[in-house]
Amino acid sequence: MKKILAAAFLLMTGTLWAQATGSTTPAAPSDNPYATATPTILKKWNFSAIPWEDWFKNNAESTDDGDYVYLFWNAQDFKANFEVKDKKRRLAEAALKLASQLYPSSAKADAVKVDLVYILERDAYNQPKLDSLQKVAHFEFLRSKVLGLAGGKKEPSLAALQKAFDQFIVY
């Protein structure tokens, strides 16, 4: 009996010691397909230098509804980049990049509707809780009309963006 207690004591102290010292190895990347890369907080906004592909990966969806293409992006991980003075311009630029990169090649519609949201909570299955969606912006435009704005290296002005969009709503 003393041997069993001594063995249990050794196991417990080893476990406690491991917890106290912590691990020096970095955590393994998540197997969760909805996990995102570490959010990038930009010190200076440069339209052409932003890692848009990384930002949209696992956070954006596109749907071809026949009459229009619907694009949806959860910008929660990159919220700090949009809570600034020139929020409207940055959100509009994100909508343009979203439309230029995620527009389905098989889509025939020229009309595009974009919703940018923050998903604040997820359920046990990692699906968004719909009552926790925070609307950030809604844009509607014709892709043919705004295609030149998204492809350029120069940042489009807010006035040019607002003129190009049919609907420009920032909540």
N, C-alpha and C. Protein backbone atom coordinates (compact mmCIF):
# COMPACT_ATOMS: atom_id res chain seq x y z
N MET A 1 0.81 -1.18 0.00
CA MET A 1 0.00 0.00 0.00
C MET A 1 0.87 1.26 0.00
N LYS A 2 1.98 1.22 0.77
CA LYS A 2 2.88 2.36 0.80
C LYS A 2 3.50 2.60 -0.57
N LYS A 3 3.78 1.54 -1.31
CA LYS A 3 4.37 1.67 -2.65
C LYS A 3 3.38 2.34 -3.60
N ILE A 4 2.12 2.00 -3.50
CA ILE A 4 1.10 2.59 -4.38
C ILE A 4 0.95 4.08 -4.07
N LEU A 5 0.92 4.45 -2.81
CA LEU A 5 0.83 5.85 -2.42
C LEU A 5 2.08 6.63 -2.86
N ALA A 6 3.23 6.02 -2.73
CA ALA A 6 4.47 6.68 -3.16
C ALA A 6 4.47 6.90 -4.67
N ALA A 7 4.00 5.92 -5.44
CA ALA A 7 3.94 6.04 -6.90
C ALA A 7 2.94 7.13 -7.29
N ALA A 8 1.78 7.16 -6.62
CA ALA A 8 0.78 8.20 -6.90
C ALA A 8 1.33 9.58 -6.57
N PHE A 9 2.07 9.70 -5.47
CA PHE A 9 2.67 10.96 -5.09
C PHE A 9 3.67 11.44 -6.14
N LEU A 10 4.49 10.54 -6.66
CA LEU A 10 5.46 10.89 -7.69
C LEU A 10 4.76 11.34 -8.97
N LEU A 11 3.71 10.66 -9.35
CA LEU A 11 2.97 11.06 -10.55
C LEU A 11 2.35 12.46 -10.37
N MET A 12 1.78 12.71 -9.21
CA MET A 12 1.15 14.00 -8.97
C MET A 12 2.18 15.12 -8.93
N THR A 13 3.32 14.90 -8.31
CA THR A 13 4.33 15.97 -8.26
C THR A 13 4.92 16.22 -9.63
N GLY A 14 5.08 15.18 -10.43
CA GLY A 14 5.58 15.38 -11.80
C GLY A 14 4.61 16.20 -12.63
N THR A 15 3.33 15.91 -12.49
CA THR A 15 2.30 16.66 -13.22
C THR A 15 2.25 18.11 -12.76
N LEU A 16 2.28 18.31 -11.46
CA LEU A 16 2.25 19.67 -10.93
C LEU A 16 3.49 20.46 -11.35
N TRP A 17 4.64 19.82 -11.37
CA TRP A 17 5.87 20.50 -11.78
C TRP A 17 5.78 20.90 -13.25
N ALA A 18 5.23 20.01 -14.09
CA ALA A 18 5.09 20.31 -15.53
C ALA A 18 4.13 21.48 -15.75
N GLN A 19 3.06 21.53 -14.97
CA GLN A 19 2.12 22.63 -15.11
C GLN A 19 2.72 23.94 -14.63
N ALA A 20 3.52 23.88 -13.59
CA ALA A 20 4.11 25.09 -13.03
C ALA A 20 5.16 25.69 -13.95
N THR A 21 5.97 24.84 -14.59
CA THR A 21 7.02 25.36 -15.46
C THR A 21 6.49 25.80 -16.80
N GLY A 22 5.40 25.22 -17.24
CA GLY A 22 4.84 25.59 -18.52
C GLY A 22 5.64 25.03 -19.67
N SER A 23 5.08 25.13 -20.84
CA SER A 23 5.74 24.60 -22.03
C SER A 23 6.43 25.73 -22.77
N THR A 24 7.63 25.47 -23.25
CA THR A 24 8.34 26.48 -24.02
C THR A 24 8.14 26.29 -25.52
N THR A 25 7.48 25.21 -25.92
CA THR A 25 7.23 24.99 -27.34
C THR A 25 5.96 25.71 -27.73
N PRO A 26 5.93 26.29 -28.93
CA PRO A 26 4.72 26.98 -29.35
C PRO A 26 3.59 25.99 -29.56
N ALA A 27 2.39 26.51 -29.39
CA ALA A 27 1.21 25.66 -29.59
C ALA A 27 1.09 25.27 -31.05
N ALA A 28 0.58 24.09 -31.29
CA ALA A 28 0.38 23.61 -32.65
C ALA A 28 -0.77 24.38 -33.27
N PRO A 29 -0.73 24.60 -34.60
CA PRO A 29 -1.83 25.29 -35.24
C PRO A 29 -3.12 24.50 -35.07
N SER A 30 -4.20 25.21 -35.01
CA SER A 30 -5.49 24.58 -34.78
C SER A 30 -5.92 23.76 -35.99
N ASP A 31 -6.61 22.68 -35.72
CA ASP A 31 -7.19 21.88 -36.79
C ASP A 31 -8.53 22.44 -37.22
N ASN A 32 -8.96 23.49 -36.58
CA ASN A 32 -10.23 24.10 -36.88
C ASN A 32 -10.15 24.81 -38.23
N PRO A 33 -11.00 24.44 -39.20
CA PRO A 33 -10.93 25.09 -40.51
C PRO A 33 -11.37 26.55 -40.49
N TYR A 34 -12.05 26.98 -39.41
CA TYR A 34 -12.51 28.36 -39.32
C TYR A 34 -11.53 29.25 -38.57
N ALA A 35 -10.47 28.66 -38.06
CA ALA A 35 -9.48 29.45 -37.34
C ALA A 35 -8.76 30.35 -38.33
N THR A 36 -8.45 31.53 -37.89
CA THR A 36 -7.79 32.49 -38.78
C THR A 36 -6.35 32.70 -38.36
N ALA A 37 -5.63 33.29 -39.26
CA ALA A 37 -4.24 33.65 -38.96
C ALA A 37 -4.27 34.73 -37.88
N THR A 38 -3.15 34.94 -37.26
CA THR A 38 -3.06 35.98 -36.25
C THR A 38 -3.45 37.30 -36.88
N PRO A 39 -4.37 38.02 -36.27
CA PRO A 39 -4.81 39.29 -36.85
C PRO A 39 -3.65 40.26 -37.06
N THR A 40 -3.69 40.91 -38.19
CA THR A 40 -2.67 41.89 -38.52
C THR A 40 -3.20 43.27 -38.17
N ILE A 41 -2.48 43.97 -37.33
CA ILE A 41 -2.85 45.35 -37.01
C ILE A 41 -1.84 46.23 -37.73
N LEU A 42 -2.35 47.00 -38.66
CA LEU A 42 -1.48 47.82 -39.49
C LEU A 42 -1.21 49.16 -38.84
N LYS A 43 0.06 49.57 -38.87
CA LYS A 43 0.41 50.89 -38.37
C LYS A 43 0.09 51.96 -39.41
N LYS A 44 0.33 51.60 -40.67
CA LYS A 44 0.03 52.52 -41.77
C LYS A 44 -0.77 51.76 -42.81
N TRP A 45 -1.88 52.32 -43.21
CA TRP A 45 -2.76 51.69 -44.19
C TRP A 45 -2.21 51.93 -45.58
N ASN A 46 -1.85 50.86 -46.25
CA ASN A 46 -1.37 50.92 -47.63
C ASN A 46 -2.18 49.90 -48.42
N PHE A 47 -3.11 50.37 -49.22
CA PHE A 47 -4.08 49.55 -49.95
C PHE A 47 -3.44 48.38 -50.69
N SER A 48 -2.34 48.62 -51.37
CA SER A 48 -1.72 47.56 -52.18
C SER A 48 -0.86 46.60 -51.36
N ALA A 49 -0.49 46.97 -50.14
CA ALA A 49 0.40 46.12 -49.34
C ALA A 49 -0.34 45.27 -48.30
N ILE A 50 -1.64 45.39 -48.24
CA ILE A 50 -2.42 44.64 -47.24
C ILE A 50 -2.52 43.18 -47.67
N PRO A 51 -2.34 42.25 -46.74
CA PRO A 51 -2.44 40.82 -47.09
C PRO A 51 -3.90 40.37 -47.20
N TRP A 52 -4.60 40.85 -48.22
CA TRP A 52 -6.03 40.59 -48.37
C TRP A 52 -6.34 39.09 -48.40
N GLU A 53 -5.52 38.30 -49.08
CA GLU A 53 -5.79 36.86 -49.19
C GLU A 53 -5.84 36.22 -47.81
N ASP A 54 -4.91 36.60 -46.94
CA ASP A 54 -4.90 36.06 -45.58
C ASP A 54 -6.11 36.54 -44.79
N TRP A 55 -6.51 37.77 -45.01
CA TRP A 55 -7.63 38.31 -44.28
C TRP A 55 -8.94 37.63 -44.68
N PHE A 56 -9.08 37.29 -45.96
CA PHE A 56 -10.33 36.70 -46.44
C PHE A 56 -10.38 35.19 -46.25
N LYS A 57 -9.21 34.57 -46.07
CA LYS A 57 -9.16 33.11 -45.94
C LYS A 57 -9.98 32.66 -44.73
N ASN A 58 -10.88 31.73 -44.94
CA ASN A 58 -11.75 31.15 -43.90
C ASN A 58 -12.69 32.15 -43.24
N ASN A 59 -12.77 33.36 -43.74
CA ASN A 59 -13.64 34.37 -43.14
C ASN A 59 -14.65 34.93 -44.13
N ALA A 60 -14.57 34.52 -45.39
CA ALA A 60 -15.43 35.11 -46.41
C ALA A 60 -16.15 34.03 -47.20
N GLU A 61 -17.33 34.40 -47.69
CA GLU A 61 -18.12 33.51 -48.52
C GLU A 61 -18.66 34.27 -49.71
N SER A 62 -18.83 33.55 -50.81
CA SER A 62 -19.46 34.15 -51.98
C SER A 62 -20.56 33.23 -52.46
N THR A 63 -21.67 33.83 -52.91
CA THR A 63 -22.82 33.08 -53.39
C THR A 63 -23.31 33.74 -54.66
N ASP A 64 -23.49 32.93 -55.70
CA ASP A 64 -24.03 33.42 -56.95
C ASP A 64 -25.54 33.19 -56.92
N ASP A 65 -26.30 34.28 -56.79
CA ASP A 65 -27.75 34.18 -56.72
C ASP A 65 -28.42 34.40 -58.07
N GLY A 66 -27.69 34.40 -59.14
CA GLY A 66 -28.25 34.57 -60.47
C GLY A 66 -28.33 36.03 -60.88
N ASP A 67 -29.13 36.82 -60.17
CA ASP A 67 -29.27 38.24 -60.48
C ASP A 67 -28.13 39.07 -59.93
N TYR A 68 -27.51 38.57 -58.88
CA TYR A 68 -26.39 39.27 -58.26
C TYR A 68 -25.50 38.26 -57.55
N VAL A 69 -24.28 38.70 -57.22
CA VAL A 69 -23.34 37.89 -56.44
C VAL A 69 -23.30 38.48 -55.05
N TYR A 70 -23.50 37.63 -54.06
CA TYR A 70 -23.51 38.07 -52.67
C TYR A 70 -22.19 37.68 -52.01
N LEU A 71 -21.52 38.64 -51.40
CA LEU A 71 -20.25 38.41 -50.70
C LEU A 71 -20.42 38.78 -49.23
N PHE A 72 -19.89 37.93 -48.38
CA PHE A 72 -20.04 38.09 -46.93
C PHE A 72 -18.67 37.91 -46.30
N TRP A 73 -18.26 38.85 -45.44
CA TRP A 73 -16.95 38.75 -44.79
C TRP A 73 -17.06 39.06 -43.31
N ASN A 74 -16.53 38.16 -42.49
CA ASN A 74 -16.42 38.37 -41.06
C ASN A 74 -15.09 39.07 -40.79
N ALA A 75 -15.14 40.32 -40.47
CA ALA A 75 -13.93 41.13 -40.26
C ALA A 75 -13.56 41.25 -38.79
N GLN A 76 -14.12 40.40 -37.94
CA GLN A 76 -13.89 40.49 -36.50
C GLN A 76 -12.41 40.43 -36.14
N ASP A 77 -11.65 39.53 -36.77
CA ASP A 77 -10.24 39.39 -36.44
C ASP A 77 -9.41 40.61 -36.81
N PHE A 78 -9.94 41.45 -37.67
CA PHE A 78 -9.19 42.60 -38.17
C PHE A 78 -9.89 43.92 -37.80
N LYS A 79 -10.72 43.83 -36.79
CA LYS A 79 -11.54 44.95 -36.35
C LYS A 79 -10.72 46.21 -36.04
N ALA A 80 -9.57 46.05 -35.43
CA ALA A 80 -8.75 47.20 -35.04
C ALA A 80 -8.34 48.04 -36.24
N ASN A 81 -8.24 47.44 -37.41
CA ASN A 81 -7.85 48.18 -38.60
C ASN A 81 -8.99 49.03 -39.18
N PHE A 82 -10.21 48.76 -38.73
CA PHE A 82 -11.36 49.48 -39.27
C PHE A 82 -12.01 50.43 -38.26
N GLU A 83 -11.57 50.41 -37.04
CA GLU A 83 -12.11 51.31 -36.02
C GLU A 83 -11.21 52.55 -35.94
N VAL A 84 -11.16 53.28 -37.04
CA VAL A 84 -10.30 54.46 -37.16
C VAL A 84 -11.09 55.60 -37.78
N LYS A 85 -10.43 56.74 -37.94
CA LYS A 85 -11.08 57.93 -38.48
C LYS A 85 -11.57 57.72 -39.91
N ASP A 86 -10.75 57.10 -40.77
CA ASP A 86 -11.15 56.89 -42.17
C ASP A 86 -11.76 55.50 -42.37
N LYS A 87 -12.63 55.12 -41.46
CA LYS A 87 -13.29 53.82 -41.46
C LYS A 87 -14.06 53.56 -42.77
N LYS A 88 -14.79 54.57 -43.25
CA LYS A 88 -15.62 54.38 -44.46
C LYS A 88 -14.77 54.00 -45.66
N ARG A 89 -13.66 54.70 -45.85
CA ARG A 89 -12.80 54.41 -47.00
C ARG A 89 -12.20 53.02 -46.89
N ARG A 90 -11.74 52.65 -45.71
CA ARG A 90 -11.13 51.34 -45.52
C ARG A 90 -12.13 50.21 -45.75
N LEU A 91 -13.34 50.38 -45.26
CA LEU A 91 -14.36 49.35 -45.46
C LEU A 91 -14.74 49.24 -46.94
N ALA A 92 -14.82 50.37 -47.62
CA ALA A 92 -15.13 50.35 -49.05
C ALA A 92 -14.01 49.67 -49.84
N GLU A 93 -12.77 49.94 -49.48
CA GLU A 93 -11.64 49.27 -50.15
C GLU A 93 -11.67 47.77 -49.90
N ALA A 94 -12.03 47.37 -48.69
CA ALA A 94 -12.14 45.94 -48.39
C ALA A 94 -13.24 45.30 -49.24
N ALA A 95 -14.34 46.00 -49.42
CA ALA A 95 -15.43 45.47 -50.26
C ALA A 95 -14.97 45.32 -51.71
N LEU A 96 -14.20 46.28 -52.20
CA LEU A 96 -13.68 46.19 -53.57
C LEU A 96 -12.75 44.99 -53.73
N LYS A 97 -11.84 44.82 -52.79
CA LYS A 97 -10.90 43.69 -52.86
C LYS A 97 -11.64 42.36 -52.73
N LEU A 98 -12.64 42.34 -51.87
CA LEU A 98 -13.44 41.13 -51.71
C LEU A 98 -14.11 40.77 -53.02
N ALA A 99 -14.67 41.76 -53.69
CA ALA A 99 -15.34 41.52 -54.98
C ALA A 99 -14.35 41.12 -56.07
N SER A 100 -13.16 41.70 -56.05
CA SER A 100 -12.19 41.37 -57.11
C SER A 100 -11.56 40.00 -56.90
N GLN A 101 -11.45 39.55 -55.65
CA GLN A 101 -10.78 38.28 -55.39
C GLN A 101 -11.73 37.10 -55.25
N LEU A 102 -12.92 37.31 -54.74
CA LEU A 102 -13.81 36.19 -54.47
C LEU A 102 -14.99 36.09 -55.42
N TYR A 103 -15.04 36.91 -56.43
CA TYR A 103 -16.12 36.84 -57.40
C TYR A 103 -16.01 35.52 -58.15
N PRO A 104 -17.07 34.70 -58.13
CA PRO A 104 -16.99 33.38 -58.79
C PRO A 104 -16.77 33.52 -60.29
N SER A 105 -15.90 32.69 -60.83
CA SER A 105 -15.60 32.77 -62.27
C SER A 105 -16.79 32.35 -63.11
N SER A 106 -17.68 31.55 -62.57
CA SER A 106 -18.85 31.09 -63.32
C SER A 106 -20.02 32.06 -63.25
N ALA A 107 -19.93 33.10 -62.44
CA ALA A 107 -21.03 34.05 -62.27
C ALA A 107 -21.22 34.90 -63.50
N LYS A 108 -22.47 35.14 -63.84
CA LYS A 108 -22.79 35.96 -65.01
C LYS A 108 -23.34 37.33 -64.61
N ALA A 109 -23.76 37.48 -63.36
CA ALA A 109 -24.34 38.73 -62.90
C ALA A 109 -23.26 39.78 -62.71
N ASP A 110 -23.62 41.02 -63.01
CA ASP A 110 -22.70 42.13 -62.84
C ASP A 110 -22.93 42.81 -61.48
N ALA A 111 -24.13 42.65 -60.93
CA ALA A 111 -24.46 43.27 -59.65
C ALA A 111 -23.81 42.50 -58.51
N VAL A 112 -23.29 43.25 -57.54
CA VAL A 112 -22.62 42.66 -56.37
C VAL A 112 -23.19 43.30 -55.11
N LYS A 113 -23.48 42.44 -54.11
CA LYS A 113 -23.90 42.92 -52.80
C LYS A 113 -22.88 42.39 -51.80
N VAL A 114 -22.39 43.29 -50.95
CA VAL A 114 -21.35 42.92 -49.98
C VAL A 114 -21.82 43.30 -48.58
N ASP A 115 -21.71 42.35 -47.66
CA ASP A 115 -21.98 42.62 -46.25
C ASP A 115 -20.72 42.34 -45.46
N LEU A 116 -20.29 43.31 -44.68
CA LEU A 116 -19.16 43.15 -43.77
C LEU A 116 -19.71 43.16 -42.35
N VAL A 117 -19.36 42.13 -41.59
CA VAL A 117 -19.90 41.98 -40.24
C VAL A 117 -18.80 41.60 -39.27
N TYR A 118 -19.12 41.72 -37.99
CA TYR A 118 -18.29 41.16 -36.92
C TYR A 118 -19.11 40.04 -36.29
N ILE A 119 -18.59 38.84 -36.29
CA ILE A 119 -19.23 37.72 -35.60
C ILE A 119 -18.65 37.69 -34.20
N LEU A 120 -19.47 38.05 -33.24
CA LEU A 120 -19.00 38.20 -31.87
C LEU A 120 -18.97 36.89 -31.09
N GLU A 121 -19.86 35.95 -31.42
CA GLU A 121 -19.92 34.68 -30.69
C GLU A 121 -20.16 33.53 -31.66
N ARG A 122 -19.65 32.36 -31.27
CA ARG A 122 -19.89 31.14 -32.04
C ARG A 122 -20.43 30.07 -31.10
N ASP A 123 -21.18 29.12 -31.66
CA ASP A 123 -21.72 28.05 -30.84
C ASP A 123 -20.71 26.92 -30.70
N ALA A 124 -21.13 25.81 -30.10
CA ALA A 124 -20.24 24.68 -29.84
C ALA A 124 -19.73 24.04 -31.12
N TYR A 125 -20.44 24.23 -32.23
CA TYR A 125 -20.03 23.68 -33.52
C TYR A 125 -19.24 24.69 -34.35
N ASN A 126 -18.87 25.80 -33.73
CA ASN A 126 -18.10 26.87 -34.34
C ASN A 126 -18.87 27.59 -35.45
N GLN A 127 -20.18 27.52 -35.40
CA GLN A 127 -21.02 28.26 -36.33
C GLN A 127 -21.39 29.59 -35.68
N PRO A 128 -21.53 30.65 -36.47
CA PRO A 128 -21.85 31.94 -35.87
C PRO A 128 -23.23 31.95 -35.23
N LYS A 129 -23.31 32.56 -34.08
CA LYS A 129 -24.61 32.79 -33.46
C LYS A 129 -25.20 34.02 -34.16
N LEU A 130 -26.30 33.81 -34.85
CA LEU A 130 -26.85 34.87 -35.69
C LEU A 130 -27.27 36.10 -34.89
N ASP A 131 -27.66 35.91 -33.63
CA ASP A 131 -28.04 37.07 -32.84
C ASP A 131 -26.83 37.85 -32.34
N SER A 132 -25.62 37.34 -32.60
CA SER A 132 -24.41 38.06 -32.19
C SER A 132 -23.73 38.76 -33.36
N LEU A 133 -24.32 38.72 -34.54
CA LEU A 133 -23.74 39.41 -35.69
C LEU A 133 -23.88 40.92 -35.50
N GLN A 134 -22.79 41.61 -35.69
CA GLN A 134 -22.81 43.07 -35.64
C GLN A 134 -22.56 43.57 -37.05
N LYS A 135 -23.55 44.22 -37.64
CA LYS A 135 -23.39 44.76 -38.99
C LYS A 135 -22.36 45.87 -38.97
N VAL A 136 -21.49 45.84 -39.94
CA VAL A 136 -20.47 46.87 -40.06
C VAL A 136 -20.75 47.75 -41.28
N ALA A 137 -20.98 47.10 -42.43
CA ALA A 137 -21.22 47.86 -43.66
C ALA A 137 -21.98 47.01 -44.67
N HIS A 138 -22.69 47.69 -45.57
CA HIS A 138 -23.39 47.04 -46.68
C HIS A 138 -23.13 47.88 -47.93
N PHE A 139 -22.70 47.20 -48.98
CA PHE A 139 -22.40 47.88 -50.24
C PHE A 139 -23.09 47.16 -51.38
N GLU A 140 -23.56 47.91 -52.37
CA GLU A 140 -24.08 47.36 -53.60
C GLU A 140 -23.49 48.16 -54.74
N PHE A 141 -23.06 47.43 -55.79
CA PHE A 141 -22.44 48.09 -56.92
C PHE A 141 -22.43 47.15 -58.11
N LEU A 142 -22.13 47.72 -59.28
CA LEU A 142 -21.93 46.93 -60.49
C LEU A 142 -20.43 46.65 -60.60
N ARG A 143 -20.10 45.41 -60.76
CA ARG A 143 -18.69 45.01 -60.80
C ARG A 143 -17.95 45.71 -61.95
N SER A 144 -18.60 45.82 -63.10
CA SER A 144 -17.97 46.45 -64.26
C SER A 144 -17.66 47.93 -63.99
N LYS A 145 -18.44 48.55 -63.13
CA LYS A 145 -18.28 49.98 -62.83
C LYS A 145 -17.11 50.25 -61.88
N VAL A 146 -16.81 49.30 -60.97
CA VAL A 146 -15.80 49.54 -59.94
C VAL A 146 -14.53 48.73 -60.13
N LEU A 147 -14.49 47.93 -61.18
CA LEU A 147 -13.34 47.05 -61.38
C LEU A 147 -12.01 47.80 -61.45
N GLY A 148 -11.99 48.96 -62.05
CA GLY A 148 -10.76 49.74 -62.16
C GLY A 148 -10.27 50.28 -60.82
N LEU A 149 -11.18 50.52 -59.89
CA LEU A 149 -10.78 51.05 -58.59
C LEU A 149 -10.03 50.02 -57.76
N ALA A 150 -10.41 48.76 -57.88
CA ALA A 150 -9.80 47.71 -57.05
C ALA A 150 -8.44 47.28 -57.56
N GLY A 151 -8.22 47.39 -58.83
CA GLY A 151 -6.98 46.86 -59.40
C GLY A 151 -5.80 47.80 -59.34
N GLY A 152 -6.04 49.07 -59.09
CA GLY A 152 -4.95 50.03 -59.11
C GLY A 152 -4.08 49.96 -57.88
N LYS A 153 -2.86 50.46 -58.02
CA LYS A 153 -1.93 50.53 -56.89
C LYS A 153 -2.21 51.74 -56.02
N LYS A 154 -2.85 52.73 -56.59
CA LYS A 154 -3.14 53.95 -55.85
C LYS A 154 -4.46 53.78 -55.09
N GLU A 155 -4.49 54.30 -53.89
CA GLU A 155 -5.71 54.21 -53.08
C GLU A 155 -6.78 55.13 -53.66
N PRO A 156 -7.98 54.57 -53.90
CA PRO A 156 -9.05 55.44 -54.40
C PRO A 156 -9.54 56.37 -53.29
N SER A 157 -10.01 57.54 -53.68
CA SER A 157 -10.51 58.50 -52.68
C SER A 157 -11.89 58.07 -52.21
N LEU A 158 -12.28 58.56 -51.06
CA LEU A 158 -13.59 58.23 -50.51
C LEU A 158 -14.69 58.73 -51.44
N ALA A 159 -14.52 59.91 -52.03
CA ALA A 159 -15.53 60.45 -52.94
C ALA A 159 -15.69 59.56 -54.18
N ALA A 160 -14.57 59.06 -54.71
CA ALA A 160 -14.64 58.17 -55.87
C ALA A 160 -15.32 56.85 -55.51
N LEU A 161 -15.05 56.36 -54.32
CA LEU A 161 -15.68 55.12 -53.88
C LEU A 161 -17.18 55.30 -53.70
N GLN A 162 -17.59 56.39 -53.04
CA GLN A 162 -19.00 56.62 -52.82
C GLN A 162 -19.75 56.83 -54.13
N LYS A 163 -19.09 57.43 -55.10
CA LYS A 163 -19.72 57.65 -56.40
C LYS A 163 -19.87 56.33 -57.16
N ALA A 164 -18.93 55.42 -57.00
CA ALA A 164 -18.96 54.15 -57.71
C ALA A 164 -20.00 53.18 -57.16
N PHE A 165 -20.32 53.28 -55.86
CA PHE A 165 -21.26 52.37 -55.24
C PHE A 165 -22.69 52.85 -55.41
N ASP A 166 -23.61 51.92 -55.65
CA ASP A 166 -25.03 52.24 -55.69
C ASP A 166 -25.59 52.41 -54.28
N GLN A 167 -25.13 51.56 -53.36
CA GLN A 167 -25.46 51.69 -51.95
C GLN A 167 -24.18 51.67 -51.15
N PHE A 168 -24.07 52.60 -50.24
CA PHE A 168 -22.87 52.76 -49.41
C PHE A 168 -23.34 53.02 -47.99
N ILE A 169 -23.49 51.95 -47.19
CA ILE A 169 -24.02 52.09 -45.84
C ILE A 169 -22.99 51.58 -44.86
N VAL A 170 -22.58 52.44 -43.93
CA VAL A 170 -21.68 52.05 -42.85
C VAL A 170 -22.45 52.24 -41.55
N TYR A 171 -22.55 51.18 -40.78
CA TYR A 171 -23.34 51.21 -39.54
C TYR A 171 -22.52 51.73 -38.39
